[in-house]
Amino acid sequence: MKKKLVLGMVSMMGLFSLAACGNSANDAVVETKAGDVTQQELYDAMKAKVGDQYVSQLAMTKILEDKYKVTDKEIDAAYKTYQDQYGDQLASMLQQSGYTEKSFKSDYLKFDLLSTKAAEASVDTSDKALKEYYKTWQPAITVEHILVADKAKADDLHKKVTSGGNFEELAKANSTDTGSATQGGKLAPFGPGKMLPEFEKAAYALKNKGDISPVVKTDAGYHIIKMLDHPAKTTFEKDKAQVKKDYLASKVTTEAKTAALQKLYKNADVKIDDKDLKDAFAQYDSSAKTESDSSTTK
């Protein structure tokens, strides 16, 4: 029921820093009776494994920072959205992907926020565009839910929550949405188009805090939804700030970010001095992709 945490690459900053430090590339970083592992060997192994991926992100970060700025406050706010969404599971999810909280913020979130700002720069946010979007826009709502696989169990839980049972405790004990279950079933605020259609329709039908939906079936299973906050749509002028924020979010897709990065790369006069890394920027070099596509069709 929530966005999956998709991490771009395993954080290798510490390892690259380790390989780059010291007085000599032949200095050992690990010593054994069978032989030492030198800084150069470590660097070469890491370059072969993630060199393209990492050097492109390092360079593109510099290119982005030349035009856009991201503050620590913005990074912390972005991190909090992940905390709100994944709760106690976040630390283990980051660890599995090779991140610490610090490296996730500096390597992943910073780059993602800079890429977002680059994509936002090309979006038309005139009043005309925003007013057109406002016609179908709805404020984000906040709900709790319990998800189970069995209809009979869902019906039983529905009876309990509608007859005074503690929704949060029942969610923790029964919901199969493990991410939200630890938060008492609470989901991050969401707007139209962010959830499964049946879930969204049932959630938006709840108008008052504390309202509970009937059992709702989706492809994920059977849900019971409780309304926590359903802000009212007011006027364009009063809602404008949030409307603009939501409009930009709807426009800044993965494809929009890629297009913005390709444009920046094209104008950055990038030169690759290490032939081992000659393909590092292939994803940003649209001209190279076009040439490659043309050659395959001949």
C-alpha atoms as a PDB file:
ATOM      1  CA  MET A   1       0.000   0.000   0.000  1.00  0.00           C
ATOM      2  CA  LYS A   2       3.000   2.281  -0.007  1.00  0.00           C
ATOM      3  CA  LYS A   3       5.828   3.145  -2.305  1.00  0.00           C
ATOM      4  CA  LYS A   4       8.663   0.689  -2.183  1.00  0.00           C
ATOM      5  CA  LEU A   5      11.997   2.015  -1.062  1.00  0.00           C
ATOM      6  CA  VAL A   6      14.077   1.900  -4.221  1.00  0.00           C
ATOM      7  CA  LEU A   7      17.710   2.776  -3.570  1.00  0.00           C
ATOM      8  CA  GLY A   8      19.949   3.731  -6.442  1.00  0.00           C
ATOM      9  CA  MET A   9      23.269   2.230  -5.498  1.00  0.00           C
ATOM     10  CA  VAL A  10      25.179   0.782  -2.576  1.00  0.00           C
ATOM     11  CA  SER A  11      27.056   3.516  -0.773  1.00  0.00           C
ATOM     12  CA  MET A  12      30.786   3.164  -1.438  1.00  0.00           C
ATOM     13  CA  MET A  13      32.004   6.623  -0.399  1.00  0.00           C
ATOM     14  CA  GLY A  14      33.851   5.362   2.665  1.00  0.00           C
ATOM     15  CA  LEU A  15      35.598   2.645   0.724  1.00  0.00           C
ATOM     16  CA  PHE A  16      36.656   4.944  -2.095  1.00  0.00           C
ATOM     17  CA  SER A  17      37.954   7.414   0.467  1.00  0.00           C
ATOM     18  CA  LEU A  18      39.918   4.634   2.122  1.00  0.00           C
ATOM     19  CA  ALA A  19      41.414   3.570  -1.197  1.00  0.00           C
ATOM     20  CA  ALA A  20      42.417   7.141  -1.989  1.00  0.00           C
ATOM     21  CA  CYS A  21      44.125   7.930   1.323  1.00  0.00           C
ATOM     22  CA  GLY A  22      47.663   7.188   2.470  1.00  0.00           C
ATOM     23  CA  ASN A  23      51.064   7.844   0.999  1.00  0.00           C
ATOM     24  CA  SER A  24      51.264   5.015  -1.510  1.00  0.00           C
ATOM     25  CA  ALA A  25      48.929   2.889  -3.585  1.00  0.00           C
ATOM     26  CA  ASN A  26      51.004  -0.073  -2.441  1.00  0.00           C
ATOM     27  CA  ASP A  27      50.244   0.516   1.234  1.00  0.00           C
ATOM     28  CA  ALA A  28      48.374  -2.434   2.709  1.00  0.00           C
ATOM     29  CA  VAL A  29      44.827  -2.056   3.913  1.00  0.00           C
ATOM     30  CA  VAL A  30      44.675  -5.720   4.980  1.00  0.00           C
ATOM     31  CA  GLU A  31      47.630  -7.897   5.961  1.00  0.00           C
ATOM     32  CA  THR A  32      47.585 -11.703   5.956  1.00  0.00           C
ATOM     33  CA  LYS A  33      50.174 -14.488   6.042  1.00  0.00           C
ATOM     34  CA  ALA A  34      49.150 -15.322   2.490  1.00  0.00           C
ATOM     35  CA  GLY A  35      49.705 -11.792   1.242  1.00  0.00           C
ATOM     36  CA  ASP A  36      48.511  -8.232   1.669  1.00  0.00           C
ATOM     37  CA  VAL A  37      45.646  -6.360   0.015  1.00  0.00           C
ATOM     38  CA  THR A  38      46.949  -2.983  -1.122  1.00  0.00           C
ATOM     39  CA  GLN A  39      45.074   0.273  -1.506  1.00  0.00           C
ATOM     40  CA  GLN A  40      45.526   0.028  -5.275  1.00  0.00           C
ATOM     41  CA  GLU A  41      44.081  -3.487  -5.397  1.00  0.00           C
ATOM     42  CA  LEU A  42      41.123  -2.386  -3.328  1.00  0.00           C
ATOM     43  CA  TYR A  43      40.545   0.670  -5.521  1.00  0.00           C
ATOM     44  CA  ASP A  44      40.824  -1.340  -8.760  1.00  0.00           C
ATOM     45  CA  ALA A  45      38.360  -3.955  -7.483  1.00  0.00           C
ATOM     46  CA  MET A  46      35.854  -1.309  -6.432  1.00  0.00           C
ATOM     47  CA  LYS A  47      36.270   0.592  -9.686  1.00  0.00           C
ATOM     48  CA  ALA A  48      35.567  -2.566 -11.659  1.00  0.00           C
ATOM     49  CA  LYS A  49      32.452  -3.291  -9.611  1.00  0.00           C
ATOM     50  CA  VAL A  50      30.802   0.118  -9.114  1.00  0.00           C
ATOM     51  CA  GLY A  51      33.185   2.629 -10.693  1.00  0.00           C
ATOM     52  CA  ASP A  52      30.924   3.678 -13.574  1.00  0.00           C
ATOM     53  CA  GLN A  53      27.928   4.062 -11.319  1.00  0.00           C
ATOM     54  CA  TYR A  54      29.717   5.955  -8.605  1.00  0.00           C
ATOM     55  CA  VAL A  55      31.879   8.319 -10.656  1.00  0.00           C
ATOM     56  CA  SER A  56      28.843   9.375 -12.700  1.00  0.00           C
ATOM     57  CA  GLN A  57      26.935  10.240  -9.538  1.00  0.00           C
ATOM     58  CA  LEU A  58      29.888  12.141  -8.072  1.00  0.00           C
ATOM     59  CA  ALA A  59      30.344  14.150 -11.261  1.00  0.00           C
ATOM     60  CA  MET A  60      26.637  14.768 -11.817  1.00  0.00           C
ATOM     61  CA  THR A  61      26.309  15.945  -8.200  1.00  0.00           C
ATOM     62  CA  LYS A  62      28.978  18.583  -8.877  1.00  0.00           C
ATOM     63  CA  ILE A  63      27.198  19.616 -12.080  1.00  0.00           C
ATOM     64  CA  LEU A  64      23.875  19.878 -10.253  1.00  0.00           C
ATOM     65  CA  GLU A  65      25.359  21.820  -7.330  1.00  0.00           C
ATOM     66  CA  ASP A  66      26.706  24.389  -9.766  1.00  0.00           C
ATOM     67  CA  LYS A  67      23.088  25.390 -10.519  1.00  0.00           C
ATOM     68  CA  TYR A  68      20.969  24.197  -7.590  1.00  0.00           C
ATOM     69  CA  LYS A  69      21.315  24.092  -3.820  1.00  0.00           C
ATOM     70  CA  VAL A  70      19.942  21.647  -1.270  1.00  0.00           C
ATOM     71  CA  THR A  71      20.022  22.506   2.420  1.00  0.00           C
ATOM     72  CA  ASP A  72      20.519  20.190   5.365  1.00  0.00           C
ATOM     73  CA  LYS A  73      17.003  21.111   6.444  1.00  0.00           C
ATOM     74  CA  GLU A  74      15.602  19.856   3.142  1.00  0.00           C
ATOM     75  CA  ILE A  75      17.576  16.619   3.408  1.00  0.00           C
ATOM     76  CA  ASP A  76      16.396  16.067   6.986  1.00  0.00           C
ATOM     77  CA  ALA A  77      12.781  16.691   5.926  1.00  0.00           C
ATOM     78  CA  ALA A  78      13.115  14.161   3.097  1.00  0.00           C
ATOM     79  CA  TYR A  79      14.604  11.624   5.501  1.00  0.00           C
ATOM     80  CA  LYS A  80      11.698  12.123   7.874  1.00  0.00           C
ATOM     81  CA  THR A  81       9.241  11.111   5.148  1.00  0.00           C
ATOM     82  CA  TYR A  82      11.039   7.774   4.936  1.00  0.00           C
ATOM     83  CA  GLN A  83      10.954   7.453   8.729  1.00  0.00           C
ATOM     84  CA  ASP A  84       7.227   8.171   8.749  1.00  0.00           C
ATOM     85  CA  GLN A  85       6.621   5.637   5.995  1.00  0.00           C
ATOM     86  CA  TYR A  86       8.847   2.773   7.107  1.00  0.00           C
ATOM     87  CA  GLY A  87       9.157   3.320  10.849  1.00  0.00           C
ATOM     88  CA  ASP A  88      11.392   0.835  12.640  1.00  0.00           C
ATOM     89  CA  GLN A  89      12.065  -1.053   9.402  1.00  0.00           C
ATOM     90  CA  LEU A  90      14.011   1.802   7.804  1.00  0.00           C
ATOM     91  CA  ALA A  91      17.313   1.133   9.582  1.00  0.00           C
ATOM     92  CA  SER A  92      17.424  -2.498   8.491  1.00  0.00           C
ATOM     93  CA  MET A  93      16.360  -1.619   4.929  1.00  0.00           C
ATOM     94  CA  LEU A  94      19.178   0.908   4.665  1.00  0.00           C
ATOM     95  CA  GLN A  95      21.663  -1.556   6.136  1.00  0.00           C
ATOM     96  CA  GLN A  96      20.683  -4.193   3.582  1.00  0.00           C
ATOM     97  CA  SER A  97      21.423  -1.676   0.820  1.00  0.00           C
ATOM     98  CA  GLY A  98      24.784  -0.720   2.268  1.00  0.00           C
ATOM     99  CA  TYR A  99      23.746   2.626   3.722  1.00  0.00           C
ATOM    100  CA  THR A 100      24.015   4.266   7.092  1.00  0.00           C
ATOM    101  CA  GLU A 101      21.687   7.147   7.927  1.00  0.00           C
ATOM    102  CA  LYS A 102      24.534   9.559   7.197  1.00  0.00           C
ATOM    103  CA  SER A 103      25.487   8.073   3.819  1.00  0.00           C
ATOM    104  CA  PHE A 104      21.843   7.709   2.778  1.00  0.00           C
ATOM    105  CA  LYS A 105      21.382  11.423   3.349  1.00  0.00           C
ATOM    106  CA  SER A 106      24.645  12.520   1.712  1.00  0.00           C
ATOM    107  CA  ASP A 107      24.781  10.071  -1.199  1.00  0.00           C
ATOM    108  CA  TYR A 108      21.169   9.228  -2.046  1.00  0.00           C
ATOM    109  CA  LEU A 109      18.839  11.937  -0.754  1.00  0.00           C
ATOM    110  CA  LYS A 110      21.067  14.856  -1.695  1.00  0.00           C
ATOM    111  CA  PHE A 111      21.402  13.637  -5.290  1.00  0.00           C
ATOM    112  CA  ASP A 112      17.692  12.867  -5.524  1.00  0.00           C
ATOM    113  CA  LEU A 113      16.715  16.327  -4.247  1.00  0.00           C
ATOM    114  CA  LEU A 114      19.136  18.050  -6.618  1.00  0.00           C
ATOM    115  CA  SER A 115      17.756  16.000  -9.521  1.00  0.00           C
ATOM    116  CA  THR A 116      14.233  16.955  -8.469  1.00  0.00           C
ATOM    117  CA  LYS A 117      15.096  20.653  -8.503  1.00  0.00           C
ATOM    118  CA  ALA A 118      16.613  20.293 -11.964  1.00  0.00           C
ATOM    119  CA  ALA A 119      13.425  18.657 -13.250  1.00  0.00           C
ATOM    120  CA  GLU A 120      11.193  21.221 -11.529  1.00  0.00           C
ATOM    121  CA  ALA A 121      12.997  24.058 -13.295  1.00  0.00           C
ATOM    122  CA  SER A 122      11.385  23.119 -16.617  1.00  0.00           C
ATOM    123  CA  VAL A 123       7.812  22.781 -15.282  1.00  0.00           C
ATOM    124  CA  ASP A 124       5.263  25.497 -16.113  1.00  0.00           C
ATOM    125  CA  THR A 125       3.904  26.684 -12.759  1.00  0.00           C
ATOM    126  CA  SER A 126       1.949  29.665 -14.038  1.00  0.00           C
ATOM    127  CA  ASP A 127      -1.447  30.369 -12.499  1.00  0.00           C
ATOM    128  CA  LYS A 128      -3.049  29.127 -15.720  1.00  0.00           C
ATOM    129  CA  ALA A 129      -1.387  25.706 -15.399  1.00  0.00           C
ATOM    130  CA  LEU A 130      -2.040  25.476 -11.667  1.00  0.00           C
ATOM    131  CA  LYS A 131      -5.719  26.456 -11.999  1.00  0.00           C
ATOM    132  CA  GLU A 132      -6.245  23.742 -14.593  1.00  0.00           C
ATOM    133  CA  TYR A 133      -4.661  21.208 -12.218  1.00  0.00           C
ATOM    134  CA  TYR A 134      -6.771  22.567  -9.343  1.00  0.00           C
ATOM    135  CA  LYS A 135      -9.981  21.463 -11.074  1.00  0.00           C
ATOM    136  CA  THR A 136      -9.285  17.832 -10.133  1.00  0.00           C
ATOM    137  CA  TRP A 137      -6.888  18.386  -7.232  1.00  0.00           C
ATOM    138  CA  GLN A 138      -7.807  17.143  -3.768  1.00  0.00           C
ATOM    139  CA  PRO A 139      -5.905  17.729  -0.498  1.00  0.00           C
ATOM    140  CA  ALA A 140      -3.834  14.842   0.819  1.00  0.00           C
ATOM    141  CA  ILE A 141      -5.527  12.777   3.507  1.00  0.00           C
ATOM    142  CA  THR A 142      -4.113  10.721   6.373  1.00  0.00           C
ATOM    143  CA  VAL A 143      -5.558   7.348   7.329  1.00  0.00           C
ATOM    144  CA  GLU A 144      -4.835   4.206   9.280  1.00  0.00           C
ATOM    145  CA  HIS A 145      -5.632   0.792   7.860  1.00  0.00           C
ATOM    146  CA  ILE A 146      -5.649  -2.878   8.706  1.00  0.00           C
ATOM    147  CA  LEU A 147      -4.813  -5.285   5.883  1.00  0.00           C
ATOM    148  CA  VAL A 148      -5.527  -9.018   6.010  1.00  0.00           C
ATOM    149  CA  ALA A 149      -5.753 -11.747   3.378  1.00  0.00           C
ATOM    150  CA  ASP A 150      -8.964 -13.394   4.605  1.00  0.00           C
ATOM    151  CA  LYS A 151     -12.458 -11.877   4.198  1.00  0.00           C
ATOM    152  CA  ALA A 152     -13.826 -13.614   7.289  1.00  0.00           C
ATOM    153  CA  LYS A 153     -10.987 -12.255   9.409  1.00  0.00           C
ATOM    154  CA  ALA A 154     -11.538  -8.790   7.969  1.00  0.00           C
ATOM    155  CA  ASP A 155     -15.234  -8.960   8.863  1.00  0.00           C
ATOM    156  CA  ASP A 156     -14.381 -10.050  12.407  1.00  0.00           C
ATOM    157  CA  LEU A 157     -11.876  -7.213  12.841  1.00  0.00           C
ATOM    158  CA  HIS A 158     -14.372  -4.738  11.410  1.00  0.00           C
ATOM    159  CA  LYS A 159     -16.894  -5.721  14.088  1.00  0.00           C
ATOM    160  CA  LYS A 160     -14.263  -5.174  16.756  1.00  0.00           C
ATOM    161  CA  VAL A 161     -13.133  -1.721  15.581  1.00  0.00           C
ATOM    162  CA  THR A 162     -16.704  -0.500  15.095  1.00  0.00           C
ATOM    163  CA  SER A 163     -17.757  -1.669  18.551  1.00  0.00           C
ATOM    164  CA  GLY A 164     -15.058   0.121  20.508  1.00  0.00           C
ATOM    165  CA  GLY A 165     -11.969  -1.984  19.829  1.00  0.00           C
ATOM    166  CA  ASN A 166      -8.627  -0.184  19.719  1.00  0.00           C
ATOM    167  CA  PHE A 167      -7.851   0.253  16.017  1.00  0.00           C
ATOM    168  CA  GLU A 168      -4.123   0.836  16.496  1.00  0.00           C
ATOM    169  CA  GLU A 169      -3.600  -2.232  18.694  1.00  0.00           C
ATOM    170  CA  LEU A 170      -5.624  -4.424  16.342  1.00  0.00           C
ATOM    171  CA  ALA A 171      -3.550  -3.146  13.407  1.00  0.00           C
ATOM    172  CA  LYS A 172      -0.296  -3.938  15.197  1.00  0.00           C
ATOM    173  CA  ALA A 173      -1.492  -7.441  16.036  1.00  0.00           C
ATOM    174  CA  ASN A 174      -3.184  -8.362  12.750  1.00  0.00           C
ATOM    175  CA  SER A 175      -2.240  -6.228   9.761  1.00  0.00           C
ATOM    176  CA  THR A 176      -0.108  -7.885   7.102  1.00  0.00           C
ATOM    177  CA  ASP A 177       1.148  -4.487   5.945  1.00  0.00           C
ATOM    178  CA  THR A 178       4.139  -4.789   8.239  1.00  0.00           C
ATOM    179  CA  GLY A 179       5.438  -1.297   7.537  1.00  0.00           C
ATOM    180  CA  SER A 180       2.295   0.479   8.683  1.00  0.00           C
ATOM    181  CA  ALA A 181       1.336  -2.132  11.291  1.00  0.00           C
ATOM    182  CA  THR A 182       4.191  -1.023  13.539  1.00  0.00           C
ATOM    183  CA  GLN A 183       2.722   2.490  13.374  1.00  0.00           C
ATOM    184  CA  GLY A 184      -0.743   1.296  14.382  1.00  0.00           C
ATOM    185  CA  GLY A 185      -1.769   1.090  10.734  1.00  0.00           C
ATOM    186  CA  LYS A 186      -0.942   4.724   9.992  1.00  0.00           C
ATOM    187  CA  LEU A 187       0.036   5.575   6.413  1.00  0.00           C
ATOM    188  CA  ALA A 188       1.880   8.639   5.190  1.00  0.00           C
ATOM    189  CA  PRO A 189      -0.439  11.368   3.828  1.00  0.00           C
ATOM    190  CA  PHE A 190      -1.439  10.736   0.216  1.00  0.00           C
ATOM    191  CA  GLY A 191      -3.411  12.375  -2.545  1.00  0.00           C
ATOM    192  CA  PRO A 192      -5.315  11.133  -5.586  1.00  0.00           C
ATOM    193  CA  GLY A 193      -3.543   8.567  -7.739  1.00  0.00           C
ATOM    194  CA  LYS A 194      -1.151   7.375  -5.037  1.00  0.00           C
ATOM    195  CA  MET A 195      -3.033   4.301  -3.811  1.00  0.00           C
ATOM    196  CA  LEU A 196      -4.924   1.403  -5.346  1.00  0.00           C
ATOM    197  CA  PRO A 197      -8.169   2.790  -6.846  1.00  0.00           C
ATOM    198  CA  GLU A 198     -10.545   0.866  -4.539  1.00  0.00           C
ATOM    199  CA  PHE A 199      -8.552   1.904  -1.487  1.00  0.00           C
ATOM    200  CA  GLU A 200      -8.387   5.544  -2.552  1.00  0.00           C
ATOM    201  CA  LYS A 201     -12.133   5.729  -3.282  1.00  0.00           C
ATOM    202  CA  ALA A 202     -13.052   4.251   0.102  1.00  0.00           C
ATOM    203  CA  ALA A 203     -10.567   6.469   1.956  1.00  0.00           C
ATOM    204  CA  TYR A 204     -11.717   9.708   0.331  1.00  0.00           C
ATOM    205  CA  ALA A 205     -15.335   8.777   1.102  1.00  0.00           C
ATOM    206  CA  LEU A 206     -14.531   9.121   4.825  1.00  0.00           C
ATOM    207  CA  LYS A 207     -15.099  12.778   5.686  1.00  0.00           C
ATOM    208  CA  ASN A 208     -14.610  13.009   9.453  1.00  0.00           C
ATOM    209  CA  LYS A 209     -11.841  12.056  11.836  1.00  0.00           C
ATOM    210  CA  GLY A 210     -12.554   8.633  13.303  1.00  0.00           C
ATOM    211  CA  ASP A 211     -14.820   7.455  10.470  1.00  0.00           C
ATOM    212  CA  ILE A 212     -14.276   3.795   9.595  1.00  0.00           C
ATOM    213  CA  SER A 213     -14.864   2.280   6.164  1.00  0.00           C
ATOM    214  CA  PRO A 214     -16.603  -0.978   5.349  1.00  0.00           C
ATOM    215  CA  VAL A 215     -14.256  -3.844   4.467  1.00  0.00           C
ATOM    216  CA  VAL A 216     -12.578  -2.896   1.172  1.00  0.00           C
ATOM    217  CA  LYS A 217     -11.163  -5.460  -1.245  1.00  0.00           C
ATOM    218  CA  THR A 218      -8.122  -4.626  -3.404  1.00  0.00           C
ATOM    219  CA  ASP A 219      -5.446  -6.689  -5.132  1.00  0.00           C
ATOM    220  CA  ALA A 220      -3.480  -6.482  -1.875  1.00  0.00           C
ATOM    221  CA  GLY A 221      -6.221  -8.091   0.246  1.00  0.00           C
ATOM    222  CA  TYR A 222      -8.988  -6.827   2.540  1.00  0.00           C
ATOM    223  CA  HIS A 223      -8.707  -3.439   4.235  1.00  0.00           C
ATOM    224  CA  ILE A 224     -10.393  -1.588   7.043  1.00  0.00           C
ATOM    225  CA  ILE A 225      -9.660   2.136   6.839  1.00  0.00           C
ATOM    226  CA  LYS A 226      -9.916   4.753   9.585  1.00  0.00           C
ATOM    227  CA  MET A 227      -9.831   8.468   8.801  1.00  0.00           C
ATOM    228  CA  LEU A 228      -7.324  10.567  10.753  1.00  0.00           C
ATOM    229  CA  ASP A 229      -7.289  13.825   8.785  1.00  0.00           C
ATOM    230  CA  HIS A 230      -9.321  14.911   5.750  1.00  0.00           C
ATOM    231  CA  PRO A 231      -8.599  18.591   4.997  1.00  0.00           C
ATOM    232  CA  ALA A 232     -11.260  20.420   3.020  1.00  0.00           C
ATOM    233  CA  LYS A 233     -10.613  21.901  -0.408  1.00  0.00           C
ATOM    234  CA  THR A 234     -11.135  25.665  -0.066  1.00  0.00           C
ATOM    235  CA  THR A 235     -10.197  28.190  -2.772  1.00  0.00           C
ATOM    236  CA  PHE A 236      -7.381  28.320  -5.302  1.00  0.00           C
ATOM    237  CA  GLU A 237      -5.669  31.240  -3.581  1.00  0.00           C
ATOM    238  CA  LYS A 238      -5.772  29.595  -0.152  1.00  0.00           C
ATOM    239  CA  ASP A 239      -4.716  26.199  -1.477  1.00  0.00           C
ATOM    240  CA  LYS A 240      -2.214  27.513  -4.023  1.00  0.00           C
ATOM    241  CA  ALA A 241       0.995  26.715  -2.131  1.00  0.00           C
ATOM    242  CA  GLN A 242       0.041  23.070  -1.637  1.00  0.00           C
ATOM    243  CA  VAL A 243      -1.415  22.852  -5.146  1.00  0.00           C
ATOM    244  CA  LYS A 244       1.906  23.993  -6.612  1.00  0.00           C
ATOM    245  CA  LYS A 245       3.807  21.488  -4.487  1.00  0.00           C
ATOM    246  CA  ASP A 246       1.533  18.627  -5.545  1.00  0.00           C
ATOM    247  CA  TYR A 247       1.573  19.736  -9.186  1.00  0.00           C
ATOM    248  CA  LEU A 248       5.359  19.711  -9.270  1.00  0.00           C
ATOM    249  CA  ALA A 249       5.398  16.275  -7.640  1.00  0.00           C
ATOM    250  CA  SER A 250       3.061  14.983 -10.353  1.00  0.00           C
ATOM    251  CA  LYS A 251       5.344  16.323 -13.083  1.00  0.00           C
ATOM    252  CA  VAL A 252       8.707  15.304 -11.649  1.00  0.00           C
ATOM    253  CA  THR A 253       8.769  11.703 -12.807  1.00  0.00           C
ATOM    254  CA  THR A 254      11.819   9.488 -13.221  1.00  0.00           C
ATOM    255  CA  GLU A 255      11.735  10.310 -16.932  1.00  0.00           C
ATOM    256  CA  ALA A 256      11.627  14.057 -16.208  1.00  0.00           C
ATOM    257  CA  LYS A 257      14.649  13.776 -13.925  1.00  0.00           C
ATOM    258  CA  THR A 258      16.560  11.798 -16.540  1.00  0.00           C
ATOM    259  CA  ALA A 259      15.755  14.390 -19.210  1.00  0.00           C
ATOM    260  CA  ALA A 260      16.939  17.216 -16.940  1.00  0.00           C
ATOM    261  CA  LEU A 261      20.183  15.396 -16.139  1.00  0.00           C
ATOM    262  CA  GLN A 262      20.804  14.668 -19.818  1.00  0.00           C
ATOM    263  CA  LYS A 263      20.415  18.354 -20.608  1.00  0.00           C
ATOM    264  CA  LEU A 264      22.829  19.359 -17.834  1.00  0.00           C
ATOM    265  CA  TYR A 265      25.350  16.730 -18.932  1.00  0.00           C
ATOM    266  CA  LYS A 266      25.214  17.944 -22.524  1.00  0.00           C
ATOM    267  CA  ASN A 267      26.136  21.471 -21.417  1.00  0.00           C
ATOM    268  CA  ALA A 268      28.768  20.473 -18.855  1.00  0.00           C
ATOM    269  CA  ASP A 269      31.610  19.607 -21.274  1.00  0.00           C
ATOM    270  CA  VAL A 270      32.385  16.326 -19.504  1.00  0.00           C
ATOM    271  CA  LYS A 271      35.696  14.691 -20.430  1.00  0.00           C
ATOM    272  CA  ILE A 272      36.535  11.180 -19.247  1.00  0.00           C
ATOM    273  CA  ASP A 273      40.274  10.686 -18.709  1.00  0.00           C
ATOM    274  CA  ASP A 274      40.128   7.075 -17.482  1.00  0.00           C
ATOM    275  CA  LYS A 275      39.329   4.712 -20.379  1.00  0.00           C
ATOM    276  CA  ASP A 276      38.011   2.144 -17.879  1.00  0.00           C
ATOM    277  CA  LEU A 277      35.201   4.581 -17.077  1.00  0.00           C
ATOM    278  CA  LYS A 278      34.365   5.547 -20.675  1.00  0.00           C
ATOM    279  CA  ASP A 279      30.785   4.237 -20.361  1.00  0.00           C
ATOM    280  CA  ALA A 280      30.074   5.829 -16.983  1.00  0.00           C
ATOM    281  CA  PHE A 281      27.839   8.551 -18.417  1.00  0.00           C
ATOM    282  CA  ALA A 282      26.004   6.506 -21.052  1.00  0.00           C
ATOM    283  CA  GLN A 283      22.656   7.046 -19.313  1.00  0.00           C
ATOM    284  CA  TYR A 284      23.080  10.816 -19.576  1.00  0.00           C
ATOM    285  CA  ASP A 285      24.560  10.958 -23.077  1.00  0.00           C
ATOM    286  CA  SER A 286      21.449  11.096 -25.251  1.00  0.00           C
ATOM    287  CA  SER A 287      23.499  11.603 -28.417  1.00  0.00           C
ATOM    288  CA  ALA A 288      25.446   8.417 -27.795  1.00  0.00           C
ATOM    289  CA  LYS A 289      22.201   6.553 -27.212  1.00  0.00           C
ATOM    290  CA  THR A 290      20.759   7.893 -30.459  1.00  0.00           C
ATOM    291  CA  GLU A 291      23.868   6.824 -32.378  1.00  0.00           C
ATOM    292  CA  SER A 292      23.693   3.379 -30.793  1.00  0.00           C
ATOM    293  CA  ASP A 293      20.000   3.026 -31.629  1.00  0.00           C
ATOM    294  CA  SER A 294      20.674   4.087 -35.225  1.00  0.00           C
ATOM    295  CA  SER A 295      23.468   1.567 -35.670  1.00  0.00           C
ATOM    296  CA  THR A 296      21.255  -1.299 -34.533  1.00  0.00           C
ATOM    297  CA  THR A 297      18.597  -0.464 -37.101  1.00  0.00           C
ATOM    298  CA  LYS A 298      20.907  -0.387 -40.095  1.00  0.00           C
END
